[in-house]
Amino acid sequence: MSRRIAIVEDDAAIRENVADTLRRQGYEIAAHADRAQALAAFQGRLPDLAIVDIGLGVDVDGGFTLVRELRAMSAELPIIFLTARDSDFDLVAGLRLGADDYLTKSISMPHLLARIAALPSMWPWKHCANR
C-alpha cells in the first residue's frame, strides 16, 4: 500500500514538480493550490504526510493557519513546511505550530526525499525495537 502525500502549494510549477518527483517514488499524491481546497479534502481523508507552503496566494500565512487546523485534526500527522520563507522567525514559528520539519524551496529533490524517508511517523516499523 503506497503512502498518500498531500502537497499544498500555490505555485503550479512547484506543486507539479514536487508531485511528479514523489509519484515516481511510488507515493500517491493529492495536490492542492490553496488552504480552502486542502482543508476540504482533509475533512474527508487525512494524508499520511502533508507538505505545506506558508504563503498560499493572497493568504500570506495560510500555511501556518492550515497547520493549526491539521494539528487540531491529528496530533500524529507528519507535516513538512516547504517554503521560500527562510527567516529564523518563520522557522521557529513553523516548528512551534507542530511541523515535523521546515525546509526551504532551494532544497533538491533528493534532499526532500531523504527528509521524508527520515520521518519516524511515516515509517513506524523502521523504528520498532523488536523488528
N, C-alpha and C. Protein backbone atom coordinates (compact mmCIF):
# COMPACT_ATOMS: atom_id res chain seq x y z
N MET A 1 0.84 -1.18 0.00
CA MET A 1 0.00 0.00 0.00
C MET A 1 0.88 1.25 0.00
N SER A 2 0.67 2.13 -0.96
CA SER A 2 1.52 3.32 -1.05
C SER A 2 1.06 4.38 -0.05
N ARG A 3 2.00 5.18 0.36
CA ARG A 3 1.72 6.28 1.27
C ARG A 3 1.14 7.45 0.49
N ARG A 4 0.16 8.12 1.09
CA ARG A 4 -0.51 9.25 0.44
C ARG A 4 0.08 10.54 1.00
N ILE A 5 0.58 11.38 0.11
CA ILE A 5 1.17 12.65 0.48
C ILE A 5 0.34 13.77 -0.12
N ALA A 6 -0.01 14.74 0.70
CA ALA A 6 -0.71 15.94 0.24
C ALA A 6 0.31 17.06 0.10
N ILE A 7 0.25 17.74 -1.03
CA ILE A 7 1.10 18.90 -1.28
C ILE A 7 0.17 20.11 -1.36
N VAL A 8 0.45 21.12 -0.52
CA VAL A 8 -0.34 22.34 -0.53
C VAL A 8 0.61 23.47 -0.93
N GLU A 9 0.49 23.88 -2.19
CA GLU A 9 1.42 24.83 -2.79
C GLU A 9 0.68 25.65 -3.83
N ASP A 10 0.77 26.99 -3.73
CA ASP A 10 0.04 27.83 -4.67
C ASP A 10 0.71 27.96 -6.03
N ASP A 11 1.99 27.76 -6.12
CA ASP A 11 2.71 27.86 -7.39
C ASP A 11 2.55 26.54 -8.15
N ALA A 12 1.84 26.59 -9.29
CA ALA A 12 1.51 25.37 -10.03
C ALA A 12 2.76 24.62 -10.49
N ALA A 13 3.79 25.33 -10.93
CA ALA A 13 5.00 24.67 -11.41
C ALA A 13 5.71 23.91 -10.29
N ILE A 14 5.84 24.54 -9.13
CA ILE A 14 6.49 23.89 -7.99
C ILE A 14 5.63 22.71 -7.53
N ARG A 15 4.32 22.93 -7.43
CA ARG A 15 3.41 21.87 -6.99
C ARG A 15 3.54 20.64 -7.89
N GLU A 16 3.54 20.85 -9.20
CA GLU A 16 3.64 19.73 -10.13
C GLU A 16 5.01 19.08 -10.12
N ASN A 17 6.05 19.86 -9.95
CA ASN A 17 7.41 19.31 -9.89
C ASN A 17 7.57 18.39 -8.69
N VAL A 18 7.13 18.86 -7.54
CA VAL A 18 7.23 18.04 -6.32
C VAL A 18 6.32 16.81 -6.46
N ALA A 19 5.10 17.01 -6.94
CA ALA A 19 4.17 15.89 -7.09
C ALA A 19 4.73 14.84 -8.04
N ASP A 20 5.28 15.27 -9.16
CA ASP A 20 5.84 14.33 -10.13
C ASP A 20 7.00 13.54 -9.54
N THR A 21 7.88 14.23 -8.83
CA THR A 21 9.02 13.55 -8.20
C THR A 21 8.54 12.50 -7.21
N LEU A 22 7.54 12.84 -6.40
CA LEU A 22 7.05 11.91 -5.39
C LEU A 22 6.28 10.75 -6.02
N ARG A 23 5.53 11.02 -7.08
CA ARG A 23 4.83 9.94 -7.78
C ARG A 23 5.82 8.92 -8.33
N ARG A 24 6.92 9.39 -8.89
CA ARG A 24 7.94 8.49 -9.43
C ARG A 24 8.57 7.62 -8.34
N GLN A 25 8.44 8.05 -7.09
CA GLN A 25 8.95 7.25 -5.97
C GLN A 25 7.89 6.30 -5.42
N GLY A 26 6.71 6.31 -6.03
CA GLY A 26 5.65 5.39 -5.64
C GLY A 26 4.63 5.94 -4.67
N TYR A 27 4.71 7.22 -4.35
CA TYR A 27 3.74 7.82 -3.44
C TYR A 27 2.46 8.17 -4.19
N GLU A 28 1.34 8.09 -3.50
CA GLU A 28 0.06 8.58 -4.01
C GLU A 28 0.00 10.05 -3.64
N ILE A 29 -0.32 10.92 -4.60
CA ILE A 29 -0.25 12.37 -4.37
C ILE A 29 -1.62 13.01 -4.50
N ALA A 30 -1.90 13.91 -3.56
CA ALA A 30 -3.06 14.81 -3.64
C ALA A 30 -2.47 16.21 -3.61
N ALA A 31 -2.67 16.96 -4.69
CA ALA A 31 -2.09 18.30 -4.79
C ALA A 31 -3.19 19.36 -4.67
N HIS A 32 -2.92 20.37 -3.85
CA HIS A 32 -3.91 21.42 -3.58
C HIS A 32 -3.25 22.78 -3.77
N ALA A 33 -4.01 23.71 -4.36
CA ALA A 33 -3.48 25.04 -4.66
C ALA A 33 -3.67 26.03 -3.53
N ASP A 34 -4.59 25.75 -2.60
CA ASP A 34 -4.83 26.72 -1.53
C ASP A 34 -5.34 26.02 -0.27
N ARG A 35 -5.42 26.80 0.78
CA ARG A 35 -5.81 26.26 2.09
C ARG A 35 -7.23 25.72 2.08
N ALA A 36 -8.16 26.44 1.49
CA ALA A 36 -9.56 26.00 1.49
C ALA A 36 -9.72 24.67 0.75
N GLN A 37 -9.07 24.55 -0.39
CA GLN A 37 -9.13 23.31 -1.16
C GLN A 37 -8.54 22.15 -0.36
N ALA A 38 -7.41 22.38 0.27
CA ALA A 38 -6.76 21.32 1.05
C ALA A 38 -7.61 20.94 2.25
N LEU A 39 -8.11 21.93 2.96
CA LEU A 39 -8.90 21.66 4.15
C LEU A 39 -10.16 20.86 3.81
N ALA A 40 -10.80 21.19 2.70
CA ALA A 40 -11.99 20.44 2.27
C ALA A 40 -11.62 18.98 2.00
N ALA A 41 -10.50 18.75 1.36
CA ALA A 41 -10.05 17.38 1.09
C ALA A 41 -9.70 16.65 2.38
N PHE A 42 -9.07 17.35 3.34
CA PHE A 42 -8.66 16.71 4.59
C PHE A 42 -9.85 16.35 5.47
N GLN A 43 -10.98 17.02 5.29
CA GLN A 43 -12.17 16.66 6.05
C GLN A 43 -12.62 15.24 5.70
N GLY A 44 -12.40 14.85 4.44
CA GLY A 44 -12.78 13.52 4.00
C GLY A 44 -11.74 12.46 4.32
N ARG A 45 -10.46 12.81 4.18
CA ARG A 45 -9.39 11.85 4.41
C ARG A 45 -8.09 12.59 4.66
N LEU A 46 -7.46 12.28 5.77
CA LEU A 46 -6.15 12.86 6.04
C LEU A 46 -5.09 12.08 5.26
N PRO A 47 -4.06 12.78 4.79
CA PRO A 47 -2.96 12.08 4.12
C PRO A 47 -2.05 11.42 5.16
N ASP A 48 -1.07 10.70 4.68
CA ASP A 48 -0.04 10.13 5.56
C ASP A 48 1.06 11.15 5.85
N LEU A 49 1.14 12.18 5.02
CA LEU A 49 2.10 13.28 5.18
C LEU A 49 1.54 14.50 4.47
N ALA A 50 1.70 15.67 5.07
CA ALA A 50 1.33 16.93 4.42
C ALA A 50 2.60 17.76 4.22
N ILE A 51 2.79 18.22 2.99
CA ILE A 51 3.88 19.15 2.66
C ILE A 51 3.21 20.48 2.34
N VAL A 52 3.52 21.50 3.14
CA VAL A 52 2.74 22.74 3.10
C VAL A 52 3.65 23.96 2.90
N ASP A 53 3.25 24.83 1.97
CA ASP A 53 3.90 26.12 1.80
C ASP A 53 3.27 27.08 2.82
N ILE A 54 3.99 28.09 3.25
CA ILE A 54 3.43 29.06 4.19
C ILE A 54 2.55 30.07 3.45
N GLY A 55 3.11 30.71 2.43
CA GLY A 55 2.35 31.69 1.67
C GLY A 55 1.54 31.00 0.60
N LEU A 56 0.23 31.11 0.70
CA LEU A 56 -0.66 30.45 -0.26
C LEU A 56 -1.47 31.53 -0.99
N GLY A 57 -0.88 32.04 -2.07
CA GLY A 57 -1.53 33.11 -2.83
C GLY A 57 -1.64 34.38 -2.01
N VAL A 58 -2.85 34.94 -1.96
CA VAL A 58 -3.07 36.18 -1.20
C VAL A 58 -3.10 35.91 0.31
N ASP A 59 -3.20 34.67 0.70
CA ASP A 59 -3.20 34.27 2.11
C ASP A 59 -1.74 34.07 2.55
N VAL A 60 -1.08 35.19 2.93
CA VAL A 60 0.37 35.16 3.15
C VAL A 60 0.82 34.23 4.28
N ASP A 61 -0.05 33.93 5.22
CA ASP A 61 0.26 33.00 6.30
C ASP A 61 -0.69 31.79 6.28
N GLY A 62 -1.25 31.51 5.12
CA GLY A 62 -2.24 30.43 5.01
C GLY A 62 -1.71 29.08 5.43
N GLY A 63 -0.44 28.82 5.17
CA GLY A 63 0.14 27.54 5.58
C GLY A 63 0.21 27.39 7.09
N PHE A 64 0.52 28.49 7.78
CA PHE A 64 0.52 28.45 9.25
C PHE A 64 -0.88 28.11 9.76
N THR A 65 -1.90 28.77 9.19
CA THR A 65 -3.28 28.52 9.59
C THR A 65 -3.67 27.07 9.31
N LEU A 66 -3.28 26.57 8.15
CA LEU A 66 -3.60 25.19 7.79
C LEU A 66 -2.96 24.20 8.75
N VAL A 67 -1.73 24.44 9.14
CA VAL A 67 -1.07 23.52 10.06
C VAL A 67 -1.77 23.53 11.43
N ARG A 68 -2.22 24.69 11.88
CA ARG A 68 -3.00 24.73 13.12
C ARG A 68 -4.25 23.87 12.99
N GLU A 69 -4.92 23.98 11.85
CA GLU A 69 -6.14 23.20 11.61
C GLU A 69 -5.83 21.71 11.51
N LEU A 70 -4.73 21.37 10.86
CA LEU A 70 -4.33 19.96 10.77
C LEU A 70 -3.99 19.39 12.14
N ARG A 71 -3.29 20.16 12.95
CA ARG A 71 -2.94 19.68 14.29
C ARG A 71 -4.19 19.46 15.15
N ALA A 72 -5.23 20.24 14.91
CA ALA A 72 -6.50 20.02 15.63
C ALA A 72 -7.15 18.72 15.18
N MET A 73 -6.89 18.29 13.95
CA MET A 73 -7.45 17.05 13.43
C MET A 73 -6.63 15.83 13.83
N SER A 74 -5.30 16.01 13.92
CA SER A 74 -4.42 14.88 14.22
C SER A 74 -3.11 15.38 14.82
N ALA A 75 -2.77 14.86 15.96
CA ALA A 75 -1.50 15.21 16.59
C ALA A 75 -0.34 14.44 15.98
N GLU A 76 -0.64 13.33 15.30
CA GLU A 76 0.41 12.46 14.78
C GLU A 76 0.75 12.67 13.31
N LEU A 77 -0.10 13.35 12.57
CA LEU A 77 0.13 13.53 11.14
C LEU A 77 1.48 14.21 10.89
N PRO A 78 2.37 13.59 10.12
CA PRO A 78 3.64 14.27 9.81
C PRO A 78 3.39 15.45 8.88
N ILE A 79 4.03 16.57 9.20
CA ILE A 79 3.89 17.79 8.41
C ILE A 79 5.27 18.37 8.15
N ILE A 80 5.51 18.72 6.89
CA ILE A 80 6.74 19.40 6.50
C ILE A 80 6.36 20.72 5.86
N PHE A 81 6.94 21.81 6.35
CA PHE A 81 6.82 23.08 5.65
C PHE A 81 7.87 23.07 4.54
N LEU A 82 7.44 23.41 3.32
CA LEU A 82 8.35 23.61 2.19
C LEU A 82 8.04 25.00 1.65
N THR A 83 8.92 25.95 1.92
CA THR A 83 8.60 27.35 1.72
C THR A 83 9.81 28.16 1.28
N ALA A 84 9.56 29.30 0.70
CA ALA A 84 10.64 30.23 0.35
C ALA A 84 11.04 31.08 1.56
N ARG A 85 10.20 31.10 2.57
CA ARG A 85 10.47 31.94 3.75
C ARG A 85 11.53 31.26 4.62
N ASP A 86 12.69 31.93 4.70
CA ASP A 86 13.83 31.30 5.36
C ASP A 86 14.30 32.02 6.62
N SER A 87 13.46 32.89 7.17
CA SER A 87 13.88 33.59 8.38
C SER A 87 13.79 32.66 9.59
N ASP A 88 14.62 32.92 10.59
CA ASP A 88 14.55 32.15 11.83
C ASP A 88 13.19 32.28 12.48
N PHE A 89 12.59 33.47 12.39
CA PHE A 89 11.28 33.69 12.98
C PHE A 89 10.25 32.72 12.39
N ASP A 90 10.21 32.61 11.06
CA ASP A 90 9.26 31.72 10.41
C ASP A 90 9.56 30.26 10.72
N LEU A 91 10.84 29.91 10.69
CA LEU A 91 11.23 28.53 11.00
C LEU A 91 10.77 28.14 12.41
N VAL A 92 11.07 28.96 13.38
CA VAL A 92 10.68 28.67 14.76
C VAL A 92 9.16 28.64 14.90
N ALA A 93 8.48 29.58 14.26
CA ALA A 93 7.01 29.59 14.32
C ALA A 93 6.44 28.32 13.72
N GLY A 94 6.98 27.88 12.60
CA GLY A 94 6.50 26.66 11.96
C GLY A 94 6.70 25.43 12.83
N LEU A 95 7.84 25.33 13.45
CA LEU A 95 8.11 24.18 14.32
C LEU A 95 7.26 24.25 15.59
N ARG A 96 7.05 25.43 16.12
CA ARG A 96 6.20 25.57 17.31
C ARG A 96 4.75 25.23 17.03
N LEU A 97 4.32 25.43 15.78
CA LEU A 97 2.95 25.05 15.40
C LEU A 97 2.78 23.54 15.31
N GLY A 98 3.89 22.83 15.29
CA GLY A 98 3.81 21.38 15.27
C GLY A 98 4.34 20.72 14.02
N ALA A 99 4.98 21.48 13.13
CA ALA A 99 5.57 20.85 11.95
C ALA A 99 6.72 19.94 12.37
N ASP A 100 6.89 18.86 11.65
CA ASP A 100 7.97 17.92 11.93
C ASP A 100 9.28 18.34 11.28
N ASP A 101 9.19 19.16 10.24
CA ASP A 101 10.38 19.63 9.54
C ASP A 101 10.05 20.95 8.85
N TYR A 102 11.07 21.72 8.55
CA TYR A 102 10.92 23.02 7.90
C TYR A 102 12.03 23.13 6.88
N LEU A 103 11.66 23.12 5.60
CA LEU A 103 12.63 23.13 4.52
C LEU A 103 12.37 24.33 3.62
N THR A 104 13.44 24.87 3.02
CA THR A 104 13.26 25.97 2.09
C THR A 104 13.28 25.44 0.66
N LYS A 105 12.63 26.18 -0.21
CA LYS A 105 12.44 25.73 -1.59
C LYS A 105 13.74 25.62 -2.39
N SER A 106 14.83 26.01 -1.83
CA SER A 106 16.10 25.78 -2.51
C SER A 106 16.54 24.32 -2.38
N ILE A 107 15.77 23.53 -1.66
CA ILE A 107 16.12 22.13 -1.40
C ILE A 107 16.06 21.32 -2.70
N SER A 108 16.97 20.38 -2.84
CA SER A 108 16.96 19.49 -4.00
C SER A 108 15.93 18.38 -3.77
N MET A 109 15.48 17.78 -4.83
CA MET A 109 14.51 16.68 -4.70
C MET A 109 15.10 15.48 -3.96
N PRO A 110 16.37 15.10 -4.19
CA PRO A 110 16.94 14.01 -3.39
C PRO A 110 16.96 14.34 -1.89
N HIS A 111 17.24 15.59 -1.55
CA HIS A 111 17.24 16.00 -0.15
C HIS A 111 15.82 15.91 0.43
N LEU A 112 14.82 16.39 -0.32
CA LEU A 112 13.43 16.29 0.14
C LEU A 112 13.05 14.83 0.36
N LEU A 113 13.40 13.96 -0.57
CA LEU A 113 13.08 12.53 -0.43
C LEU A 113 13.75 11.94 0.80
N ALA A 114 14.97 12.35 1.07
CA ALA A 114 15.68 11.85 2.27
C ALA A 114 15.00 12.33 3.54
N ARG A 115 14.52 13.57 3.56
CA ARG A 115 13.84 14.08 4.75
C ARG A 115 12.51 13.35 4.97
N ILE A 116 11.81 13.04 3.89
CA ILE A 116 10.56 12.28 4.01
C ILE A 116 10.86 10.89 4.57
N ALA A 117 11.88 10.25 4.03
CA ALA A 117 12.23 8.90 4.48
C ALA A 117 12.68 8.88 5.94
N ALA A 118 13.19 10.00 6.43
CA ALA A 118 13.70 10.07 7.81
C ALA A 118 12.60 10.29 8.84
N LEU A 119 11.38 10.60 8.40
CA LEU A 119 10.29 10.85 9.35
C LEU A 119 9.87 9.54 10.03
N PRO A 120 10.06 9.42 11.33
CA PRO A 120 9.68 8.17 12.00
C PRO A 120 8.19 7.87 11.89
N SER A 121 7.36 8.90 11.87
CA SER A 121 5.92 8.65 11.81
C SER A 121 5.46 8.19 10.43
N MET A 122 6.29 8.37 9.41
CA MET A 122 5.94 7.87 8.08
C MET A 122 6.24 6.38 7.97
N TRP A 123 7.21 5.94 8.70
CA TRP A 123 7.67 4.56 8.61
C TRP A 123 7.84 3.98 10.02
N PRO A 124 6.75 3.83 10.78
CA PRO A 124 6.89 3.42 12.17
C PRO A 124 7.58 2.08 12.36
N TRP A 125 7.46 1.19 11.40
CA TRP A 125 8.09 -0.12 11.53
C TRP A 125 9.61 -0.04 11.52
N LYS A 126 10.19 1.02 10.93
CA LYS A 126 11.64 1.16 10.91
C LYS A 126 12.19 1.48 12.28
N HIS A 127 11.34 1.92 13.18
CA HIS A 127 11.83 2.42 14.47
C HIS A 127 11.37 1.54 15.63
N CYS A 128 10.85 0.36 15.32
CA CYS A 128 10.44 -0.57 16.37
C CYS A 128 11.64 -1.38 16.82
N ALA A 129 11.84 -1.47 18.10
CA ALA A 129 12.98 -2.20 18.64
C ALA A 129 12.90 -3.70 18.37
N ASN A 130 11.71 -4.24 18.24
CA ASN A 130 11.53 -5.68 18.08
C ASN A 130 11.57 -6.13 16.62
N ARG A 131 11.85 -5.28 15.70
CA ARG A 131 11.84 -5.68 14.28
C ARG A 131 13.23 -5.94 13.79
